[in-house]
Amino acid sequence: MSGLQLRQPLRTQRPPLQVLLMSGCPEGAISRLGGPGPLPSLIEKPFMIDGILPTWGISSARGSRMRETRFQAARLLIVDDEPSNVRALERLLRAAGYTNIVGTTNPAEVLSLYRDQDLMLLDLRMPELDGVGVLEQLRADAPPQMFLPVLVLTGDSSQDARRRALAAGAKDFVTKPFEVDEVLLRIHNLLETRYLYREITAQNQVLERRVSERTVELDSAYLDTLERLALAAEFRDDETGRHTERVGEAAALLGTVLGLGAEEVFLIRRAAPLHDVGKIAIPDAVLRKPGSLTADEWEIMKSHAAMGAQILSGGRSRVIRLAEEIARSHHEQWDGNGYPEGRSGEAIPLTARLVMVADVFDALTSDRVYRKAWPAAHVLAYIREYAGRRFDPQIAGLCERIETRRGLLAIRQGAGASAERRRTVSTTTMARNRTPRQPPAVGP
């Protein structure tokens, strides 16, 4: 039975079945053999794909009820080594309502095109670089958070081809020849997944930003609480309330010059101001006594180190644990003659050794009820003299560097530069006005 004979019973089907004749005979010969009735659409062999899809596939798309209403602006990339196939797919998609379509016959161009696309339609069998190779390149090049659905359109219907394509990252697989409505539905579904992924990603970014903002807010409140705690103790011994802050800045400066990492320096900067929090437990009669302390009063004063460690003990954060370490050991001396535990050398935590120098520098350059401030040059000479005895010699040596001295002086002058300029105290006057505590030069 010839194709012309077969078309006669097909014409009686309801609904009528569209017939497309494909033949190597010229149209005139077919007309003479066609018999009664209109001649169906004819494609002469050999034919190009452009000849058959516009007559059958695209006309079916235009007659189809499939119209894209949600994702018309979606960006679609077509990759096929046959230019006629690319053009035919472009027309099919535009007939369905899509407006942003890019096509290429060179699979090597995919890496330069895919990043701003929403969906890729990919042929599997291509010379040089096939569809699986393109998928493997995408997997290696695309950022982890990117989701680009790929619909494979191929004439290879084998299970091996389907398995290889899906394993390489394709999200769907359609064999040629395909039914137009099915392909359009699959494209729509993949775009829906793509847009849902984008929405979820955007929502997650908003949530992450809000969590980050909340975390910053909580961190700020936490650090603010630490500063207030340090000030609560400091206002009892330093009318300016700036000593604790300057000690934190100076200890961070020394840590930086010593070569510590940025995170460790940050923690020292936040923990060091709590070094004297134990003074909260010291009676005013001892803490603010203008004269020399008795032996018993000196023991009470020294207890502020252990008291501070006890107040800060049990903390979960790194800052609080570090502050506890500093509060306990910042009066320990390199030669073992400090308090409260009499530690010596490197048995004293490095953070406490840094704070020891920073604390002495700021304390001796500040007025106290029991003495007047020393000039900065005399304090630096004192640190140099007691290096290896009271102070870690390496940290004390940092104070000999010009940049360290400038930094310490800038920190000291930052809070009360005008007061410092008004203060002119000679060595003789300083010695006459100072009523020392024990130990004479360092103080609590």
Protein backbone atom coordinates (compact mmCIF):
# COMPACT_ATOMS: atom_id res chain seq x y z
CA MET A 1 0.00 0.00 0.00
CA SER A 2 1.41 3.37 -1.02
CA GLY A 3 1.30 6.50 1.06
CA LEU A 4 -1.37 7.92 -1.28
CA GLN A 5 -3.54 4.85 -0.76
CA LEU A 6 -3.06 4.99 3.01
CA ARG A 7 -4.22 8.59 3.20
CA GLN A 8 -7.74 7.71 1.98
CA PRO A 9 -8.83 5.88 5.20
CA LEU A 10 -6.98 8.47 7.32
CA ARG A 11 -9.21 11.21 5.87
CA THR A 12 -12.24 9.53 7.44
CA GLN A 13 -10.79 9.67 10.99
CA ARG A 14 -12.45 11.96 13.49
CA PRO A 15 -10.90 14.27 14.30
CA PRO A 16 -9.21 14.35 10.91
CA LEU A 17 -5.52 13.46 10.97
CA GLN A 18 -3.10 15.90 9.35
CA VAL A 19 -1.00 14.16 6.68
CA LEU A 20 2.40 15.23 5.42
CA LEU A 21 3.73 13.36 2.38
CA MET A 22 7.47 12.89 2.01
CA SER A 23 8.62 11.66 -1.40
CA GLY A 24 11.44 11.81 -3.90
CA CYS A 25 8.91 12.28 -6.76
CA PRO A 26 8.18 15.80 -7.98
CA GLU A 27 4.93 17.44 -6.94
CA GLY A 28 3.42 17.17 -10.46
CA ALA A 29 3.78 13.39 -10.51
CA ILE A 30 2.22 13.08 -7.07
CA SER A 31 -0.70 15.23 -8.20
CA ARG A 32 -1.40 12.92 -11.14
CA LEU A 33 -1.36 9.87 -8.84
CA GLY A 34 -3.15 11.47 -5.96
CA GLY A 35 -6.70 10.69 -6.97
CA PRO A 36 -9.69 12.62 -5.70
CA GLY A 37 -9.50 15.10 -2.84
CA PRO A 38 -7.05 17.81 -2.00
CA LEU A 39 -3.39 16.94 -2.08
CA PRO A 40 -1.82 16.84 1.39
CA SER A 41 1.29 18.85 2.25
CA LEU A 42 4.32 17.55 0.38
CA ILE A 43 8.01 17.59 1.27
CA GLU A 44 10.34 16.49 -1.47
CA LYS A 45 13.34 14.34 -0.54
CA PRO A 46 16.09 14.99 0.26
CA PHE A 47 14.91 17.70 2.69
CA MET A 48 16.40 19.89 5.40
CA ILE A 49 14.96 20.03 8.89
CA ASP A 50 13.89 23.62 8.13
CA GLY A 51 11.60 22.20 5.48
CA ILE A 52 9.71 19.81 7.71
CA LEU A 53 9.41 21.63 11.06
CA PRO A 54 7.92 24.87 9.69
CA THR A 55 5.34 22.76 7.83
CA TRP A 56 4.54 20.41 10.68
CA GLY A 57 6.18 21.18 13.98
CA ILE A 58 5.80 24.95 14.07
CA SER A 59 2.32 24.89 12.63
CA SER A 60 1.43 22.47 15.43
CA ALA A 61 2.93 24.88 17.96
CA ARG A 62 0.85 27.73 16.60
CA GLY A 63 -2.23 25.60 16.66
CA SER A 64 -1.42 24.40 20.16
CA ARG A 65 -3.10 25.89 23.21
CA MET A 66 0.31 26.00 24.93
CA ARG A 67 1.16 29.67 25.50
CA GLU A 68 3.73 30.79 28.04
CA THR A 69 2.23 33.46 30.30
CA ARG A 70 4.53 33.38 33.34
CA PHE A 71 8.03 33.03 31.97
CA GLN A 72 7.94 34.86 28.64
CA ALA A 73 11.02 36.85 29.67
CA ALA A 74 13.00 33.75 30.63
CA ARG A 75 16.42 33.58 28.99
CA LEU A 76 16.80 30.42 26.91
CA LEU A 77 20.00 29.09 25.35
CA ILE A 78 19.85 26.62 22.45
CA VAL A 79 22.98 24.55 21.70
CA ASP A 80 22.94 22.40 18.54
CA ASP A 81 25.57 21.89 15.86
CA GLU A 82 22.90 22.06 13.10
CA PRO A 83 21.96 25.69 12.27
CA SER A 84 18.60 24.57 10.90
CA ASN A 85 17.75 22.88 14.19
CA VAL A 86 18.66 26.03 16.13
CA ARG A 87 16.49 28.19 13.87
CA ALA A 88 13.59 25.78 14.06
CA LEU A 89 13.68 25.67 17.85
CA GLU A 90 13.90 29.45 18.00
CA ARG A 91 10.75 29.76 15.92
CA LEU A 92 8.95 27.16 17.98
CA LEU A 93 9.80 28.93 21.24
CA ARG A 94 8.91 32.37 19.92
CA ALA A 95 5.57 31.01 18.69
CA ALA A 96 4.96 29.76 22.24
CA GLY A 97 5.59 33.25 23.67
CA TYR A 98 9.26 33.26 24.69
CA THR A 99 11.16 36.41 23.76
CA ASN A 100 14.74 36.08 25.06
CA ILE A 101 16.36 33.30 23.06
CA VAL A 102 20.03 32.82 22.22
CA GLY A 103 21.25 30.09 19.89
CA THR A 104 24.70 28.74 19.08
CA THR A 105 26.06 25.97 16.90
CA ASN A 106 29.42 26.00 18.67
CA PRO A 107 29.35 24.12 22.00
CA ALA A 108 32.70 25.70 22.92
CA GLU A 109 30.85 29.02 23.34
CA VAL A 110 28.61 27.69 26.12
CA LEU A 111 30.99 28.68 28.94
CA SER A 112 30.84 32.30 27.81
CA LEU A 113 27.05 32.32 27.43
CA TYR A 114 25.46 30.23 30.18
CA ARG A 115 25.87 32.42 33.28
CA ASP A 116 22.96 34.77 32.55
CA GLN A 117 20.61 32.07 31.20
CA ASP A 118 17.56 30.47 32.84
CA LEU A 119 17.40 27.26 30.77
CA MET A 120 19.55 25.44 28.24
CA LEU A 121 18.27 23.22 25.43
CA LEU A 122 21.19 20.98 24.51
CA ASP A 123 21.77 18.52 21.68
CA LEU A 124 23.63 15.39 22.70
CA ARG A 125 25.37 14.26 19.52
CA MET A 126 27.75 16.95 18.30
CA PRO A 127 31.23 16.67 16.75
CA GLU A 128 34.34 17.55 18.75
CA LEU A 129 32.49 18.45 21.98
CA ASP A 130 29.27 16.52 22.55
CA GLY A 131 26.46 17.32 24.96
CA VAL A 132 27.90 15.25 27.79
CA GLY A 133 31.19 17.11 27.43
CA VAL A 134 29.34 20.43 27.66
CA LEU A 135 27.56 19.25 30.84
CA GLU A 136 30.87 18.20 32.39
CA GLN A 137 32.39 21.60 31.60
CA LEU A 138 29.40 23.32 33.19
CA ARG A 139 29.69 21.21 36.32
CA ALA A 140 33.35 22.21 36.70
CA ASP A 141 32.85 25.90 35.88
CA ALA A 142 29.53 26.85 37.48
CA PRO A 143 29.57 28.24 41.04
CA PRO A 144 28.15 25.83 43.67
CA GLN A 145 25.06 27.95 44.34
CA MET A 146 24.06 28.20 40.66
CA PHE A 147 21.12 26.18 39.33
CA LEU A 148 20.78 26.11 35.52
CA PRO A 149 18.36 23.40 34.30
CA VAL A 150 19.40 21.65 31.09
CA LEU A 151 16.91 19.92 28.77
CA VAL A 152 18.59 17.46 26.43
CA LEU A 153 16.98 17.09 22.97
CA THR A 154 18.50 14.25 20.96
CA GLY A 155 17.76 11.63 18.38
CA ASP A 156 19.62 9.04 20.44
CA SER A 157 16.92 7.15 22.34
CA SER A 158 19.25 4.57 23.90
CA GLN A 159 19.21 4.01 27.65
CA ASP A 160 22.96 4.61 27.74
CA ALA A 161 22.56 8.08 26.23
CA ARG A 162 19.82 8.95 28.73
CA ARG A 163 21.87 7.64 31.64
CA ARG A 164 25.03 9.51 30.62
CA ALA A 165 23.18 12.79 30.10
CA LEU A 166 21.31 12.66 33.40
CA ALA A 167 24.43 11.57 35.28
CA ALA A 168 26.34 14.52 33.83
CA GLY A 169 23.79 17.00 35.16
CA ALA A 170 20.90 17.22 32.71
CA LYS A 171 17.53 17.78 34.42
CA ASP A 172 15.35 16.31 31.67
CA PHE A 173 15.70 14.27 28.49
CA VAL A 174 13.53 14.26 25.32
CA THR A 175 14.14 12.19 22.20
CA LYS A 176 13.56 13.39 18.65
CA PRO A 177 11.17 13.50 16.96
CA PHE A 178 9.28 15.09 19.86
CA GLU A 179 5.72 16.20 20.47
CA VAL A 180 5.71 20.00 20.67
CA ASP A 181 3.30 20.40 23.58
CA GLU A 182 5.29 17.91 25.64
CA VAL A 183 8.51 19.83 25.08
CA LEU A 184 6.85 23.13 25.94
CA LEU A 185 5.43 21.63 29.13
CA ARG A 186 8.83 20.29 30.13
CA ILE A 187 10.41 23.68 29.45
CA HIS A 188 7.72 25.39 31.54
CA ASN A 189 8.22 22.95 34.43
CA LEU A 190 11.99 23.38 34.38
CA LEU A 191 11.63 27.17 34.34
CA GLU A 192 9.21 26.95 37.26
CA THR A 193 11.84 25.01 39.20
CA ARG A 194 14.49 27.54 38.19
CA TYR A 195 12.39 30.51 39.33
CA LEU A 196 11.43 28.80 42.59
CA TYR A 197 15.12 28.18 43.24
CA ARG A 198 15.86 31.86 42.61
CA GLU A 199 13.09 32.93 44.95
CA ILE A 200 14.27 30.58 47.70
CA THR A 201 17.86 31.77 47.20
CA ALA A 202 16.74 35.40 47.46
CA GLN A 203 14.71 34.64 50.59
CA ASN A 204 17.67 32.83 52.13
CA GLN A 205 19.89 35.81 51.40
CA VAL A 206 17.38 38.11 53.10
CA LEU A 207 17.24 35.78 56.11
CA GLU A 208 21.04 35.52 56.24
CA ARG A 209 21.31 39.31 56.11
CA ARG A 210 18.78 39.65 58.91
CA VAL A 211 20.57 37.02 60.99
CA SER A 212 23.86 38.76 60.32
CA GLU A 213 22.41 42.11 61.32
CA ARG A 214 20.94 40.57 64.46
CA THR A 215 24.25 38.88 65.25
CA VAL A 216 26.10 42.18 64.85
CA GLU A 217 23.51 43.80 67.10
CA LEU A 218 23.92 41.09 69.75
CA ASP A 219 27.71 41.24 69.47
CA SER A 220 27.57 45.00 69.88
CA ALA A 221 25.33 44.65 72.94
CA TYR A 222 27.64 41.98 74.33
CA LEU A 223 30.76 44.09 73.86
CA ASP A 224 28.94 47.11 75.23
CA THR A 225 28.09 45.11 78.36
CA LEU A 226 31.75 44.15 78.78
CA GLU A 227 32.79 47.78 78.48
CA ARG A 228 30.22 48.83 81.07
CA LEU A 229 31.44 46.11 83.41
CA ALA A 230 35.01 47.35 83.01
CA LEU A 231 33.91 50.93 83.61
CA ALA A 232 31.98 49.96 86.73
CA ALA A 233 35.27 48.93 88.32
CA GLU A 234 37.37 51.67 86.75
CA PHE A 235 35.25 54.63 87.87
CA ARG A 236 36.09 53.72 91.43
CA ASP A 237 39.81 54.21 90.80
CA ASP A 238 40.04 56.48 87.74
CA GLU A 239 37.81 59.52 87.52
CA THR A 240 38.15 59.70 83.73
CA GLY A 241 36.97 56.13 83.21
CA ARG A 242 39.36 55.83 80.25
CA HIS A 243 42.13 53.77 81.78
CA THR A 244 40.57 50.39 80.94
CA GLU A 245 39.94 51.39 77.34
CA ARG A 246 43.48 52.67 76.87
CA VAL A 247 44.90 49.47 78.36
CA GLY A 248 42.91 47.47 75.79
CA GLU A 249 44.21 49.63 72.94
CA ALA A 250 47.80 49.52 74.18
CA ALA A 251 47.75 45.74 74.71
CA ALA A 252 46.35 45.30 71.18
CA LEU A 253 49.11 47.56 69.83
CA LEU A 254 51.81 45.52 71.57
CA GLY A 255 50.23 42.28 70.31
CA THR A 256 50.22 43.61 66.76
CA VAL A 257 53.89 44.66 66.95
CA LEU A 258 54.69 41.25 68.43
CA GLY A 259 53.16 39.63 65.34
CA LEU A 260 49.94 38.13 66.69
CA GLY A 261 47.08 37.42 64.29
CA ALA A 262 44.25 39.88 63.75
CA GLU A 263 41.67 37.71 65.52
CA GLU A 264 43.85 37.23 68.59
CA VAL A 265 44.60 40.96 68.72
CA PHE A 266 40.87 41.70 68.51
CA LEU A 267 40.15 39.37 71.43
CA ILE A 268 42.91 40.98 73.52
CA ARG A 269 41.51 44.41 72.69
CA ARG A 270 38.11 43.37 74.06
CA ALA A 271 39.29 41.32 77.03
CA ALA A 272 42.07 43.54 78.39
CA PRO A 273 39.75 46.31 79.70
CA LEU A 274 38.38 43.79 82.22
CA HIS A 275 41.78 43.26 83.83
CA ASP A 276 40.84 45.20 86.99
CA VAL A 277 37.19 44.15 87.27
CA GLY A 278 38.04 42.59 90.64
CA LYS A 279 38.39 46.11 92.09
CA ILE A 280 34.61 46.07 92.43
CA ALA A 281 35.18 43.90 95.50
CA ILE A 282 37.81 46.20 97.08
CA PRO A 283 36.55 48.62 99.79
CA ASP A 284 36.84 52.35 99.01
CA ALA A 285 38.84 52.83 102.19
CA VAL A 286 41.59 50.73 100.60
CA LEU A 287 41.09 51.44 96.90
CA ARG A 288 40.96 55.23 97.23
CA LYS A 289 43.25 55.70 100.22
CA PRO A 290 45.52 58.69 99.45
CA GLY A 291 48.40 57.47 101.61
CA SER A 292 50.47 54.32 101.87
CA LEU A 293 48.73 51.02 102.42
CA THR A 294 49.39 48.90 105.48
CA ALA A 295 50.49 45.31 105.02
CA ASP A 296 46.94 44.07 105.62
CA GLU A 297 45.49 46.66 103.24
CA TRP A 298 48.03 45.65 100.62
CA GLU A 299 46.88 42.02 100.88
CA ILE A 300 43.29 43.19 100.40
CA MET A 301 44.34 45.23 97.37
CA LYS A 302 46.21 42.30 95.82
CA SER A 303 43.11 40.13 96.10
CA HIS A 304 41.49 42.04 93.24
CA ALA A 305 43.35 39.81 90.74
CA ALA A 306 41.85 36.59 92.10
CA MET A 307 38.49 38.31 92.65
CA GLY A 308 38.41 39.43 89.02
CA ALA A 309 39.17 35.91 87.79
CA GLN A 310 36.40 34.56 90.02
CA ILE A 311 33.88 37.10 88.68
CA LEU A 312 34.74 36.13 85.10
CA SER A 313 35.07 32.38 85.67
CA GLY A 314 32.79 29.96 83.87
CA GLY A 315 32.32 32.15 80.81
CA ARG A 316 31.55 30.41 77.53
CA SER A 317 32.83 33.02 75.10
CA ARG A 318 36.48 33.32 74.12
CA VAL A 319 36.53 36.95 75.22
CA ILE A 320 35.37 36.14 78.75
CA ARG A 321 37.75 33.18 79.09
CA LEU A 322 40.63 35.37 77.93
CA ALA A 323 39.53 38.16 80.29
CA GLU A 324 39.56 35.69 83.19
CA GLU A 325 43.13 34.69 82.28
CA ILE A 326 44.23 38.33 82.10
CA ALA A 327 42.50 39.36 85.33
CA ARG A 328 44.18 36.54 87.24
CA SER A 329 47.71 36.97 85.90
CA HIS A 330 48.29 40.58 84.85
CA HIS A 331 50.23 41.28 88.09
CA GLU A 332 52.49 38.25 87.77
CA GLN A 333 56.12 39.24 87.19
CA TRP A 334 58.74 37.69 84.93
CA ASP A 335 61.03 36.85 87.88
CA GLY A 336 58.23 35.20 89.90
CA ASN A 337 57.77 37.97 92.48
CA GLY A 338 54.27 38.95 91.39
CA TYR A 339 50.84 37.86 92.57
CA PRO A 340 48.51 36.03 93.11
CA GLU A 341 50.25 32.75 92.15
CA GLY A 342 53.90 33.77 91.85
CA ARG A 343 54.23 32.52 88.29
CA SER A 344 57.37 33.33 86.35
CA GLY A 345 58.61 33.52 82.76
CA GLU A 346 56.52 31.90 80.08
CA ALA A 347 54.35 30.20 82.71
CA ILE A 348 52.57 33.56 82.75
CA PRO A 349 50.04 33.71 79.86
CA LEU A 350 51.25 35.84 76.97
CA THR A 351 48.08 37.93 77.08
CA ALA A 352 48.71 38.78 80.74
CA ARG A 353 52.32 39.74 79.98
CA LEU A 354 51.12 42.12 77.27
CA VAL A 355 48.52 43.67 79.57
CA MET A 356 51.11 43.98 82.37
CA VAL A 357 53.20 46.36 80.25
CA ALA A 358 50.17 48.21 78.86
CA ASP A 359 48.66 48.61 82.34
CA VAL A 360 51.87 49.92 83.92
CA PHE A 361 52.46 52.39 81.09
CA ASP A 362 48.97 53.88 81.34
CA ALA A 363 48.74 53.72 85.15
CA LEU A 364 52.04 55.51 85.71
CA THR A 365 51.23 58.20 83.14
CA SER A 366 47.89 58.89 84.90
CA ASP A 367 47.10 60.81 88.06
CA ARG A 368 45.96 58.78 91.03
CA VAL A 369 44.72 59.86 94.47
CA TYR A 370 48.00 58.65 95.96
CA ARG A 371 50.44 60.10 93.36
CA LYS A 372 50.86 62.35 90.37
CA ALA A 373 51.43 61.08 86.84
CA TRP A 374 54.91 60.35 85.52
CA PRO A 375 56.14 61.73 82.21
CA ALA A 376 55.89 59.13 79.46
CA ALA A 377 59.66 59.14 78.89
CA HIS A 378 60.26 58.19 82.55
CA VAL A 379 57.71 55.37 82.34
CA LEU A 380 59.38 53.98 79.21
CA ALA A 381 62.76 54.17 81.01
CA TYR A 382 61.22 52.31 83.95
CA ILE A 383 59.92 49.53 81.67
CA ARG A 384 63.36 49.24 80.10
CA GLU A 385 65.04 49.09 83.53
CA TYR A 386 62.77 46.29 84.80
CA ALA A 387 62.77 44.22 81.62
CA GLY A 388 63.60 40.64 82.57
CA ARG A 389 62.56 41.23 86.17
CA ARG A 390 59.01 42.49 86.28
CA PHE A 391 58.33 42.50 82.56
CA ASP A 392 58.73 40.00 79.74
CA PRO A 393 62.00 41.21 78.16
CA GLN A 394 60.70 40.66 74.63
CA ILE A 395 57.56 42.71 75.22
CA ALA A 396 59.48 45.37 77.12
CA GLY A 397 61.86 45.54 74.17
CA LEU A 398 58.95 46.39 71.86
CA CYS A 399 58.66 49.69 73.71
CA GLU A 400 62.09 50.68 72.42
CA ARG A 401 60.78 50.82 68.87
CA ILE A 402 59.90 54.26 67.60
CA GLU A 403 56.60 53.12 66.09
CA THR A 404 55.57 51.43 69.36
CA ARG A 405 56.38 54.54 71.40
CA ARG A 406 54.45 56.73 69.01
CA GLY A 407 51.49 54.36 69.20
CA LEU A 408 51.50 54.25 73.00
CA LEU A 409 51.74 58.03 73.23
CA ALA A 410 48.92 58.47 70.71
CA ILE A 411 46.70 56.15 72.74
CA ARG A 412 47.58 57.97 75.95
CA GLN A 413 46.98 61.42 74.50
CA GLY A 414 43.80 60.47 72.72
CA ALA A 415 41.64 60.79 75.84
CA GLY A 416 43.19 63.76 77.60
CA ALA A 417 45.75 65.49 75.40
CA SER A 418 44.89 68.93 76.74
CA ALA A 419 45.32 67.77 80.33
CA GLU A 420 48.64 66.19 79.42
CA ARG A 421 49.86 69.44 77.88
CA ARG A 422 48.97 71.33 81.06
CA ARG A 423 50.77 68.82 83.23
CA THR A 424 54.47 69.66 83.74
CA VAL A 425 55.90 67.50 86.42
CA SER A 426 59.67 67.33 86.92
CA THR A 427 61.35 64.27 88.30
CA THR A 428 61.96 66.05 91.61
CA THR A 429 58.38 67.22 91.93
CA MET A 430 57.09 63.78 90.98
CA ALA A 431 59.20 62.14 93.66
CA ARG A 432 58.16 64.72 96.25
CA ASN A 433 54.42 64.45 95.51
CA ARG A 434 54.21 60.69 95.07
CA THR A 435 53.14 58.64 98.07
CA PRO A 436 54.10 55.15 96.93
CA ARG A 437 52.19 51.93 97.47
CA GLN A 438 53.77 48.51 97.54
CA PRO A 439 55.38 47.57 95.26
CA PRO A 440 56.65 51.17 94.92
CA ALA A 441 56.64 51.77 91.18
CA VAL A 442 53.99 49.47 89.76
CA GLY A 443 51.00 49.74 92.03
CA PRO A 444 47.81 47.73 91.65
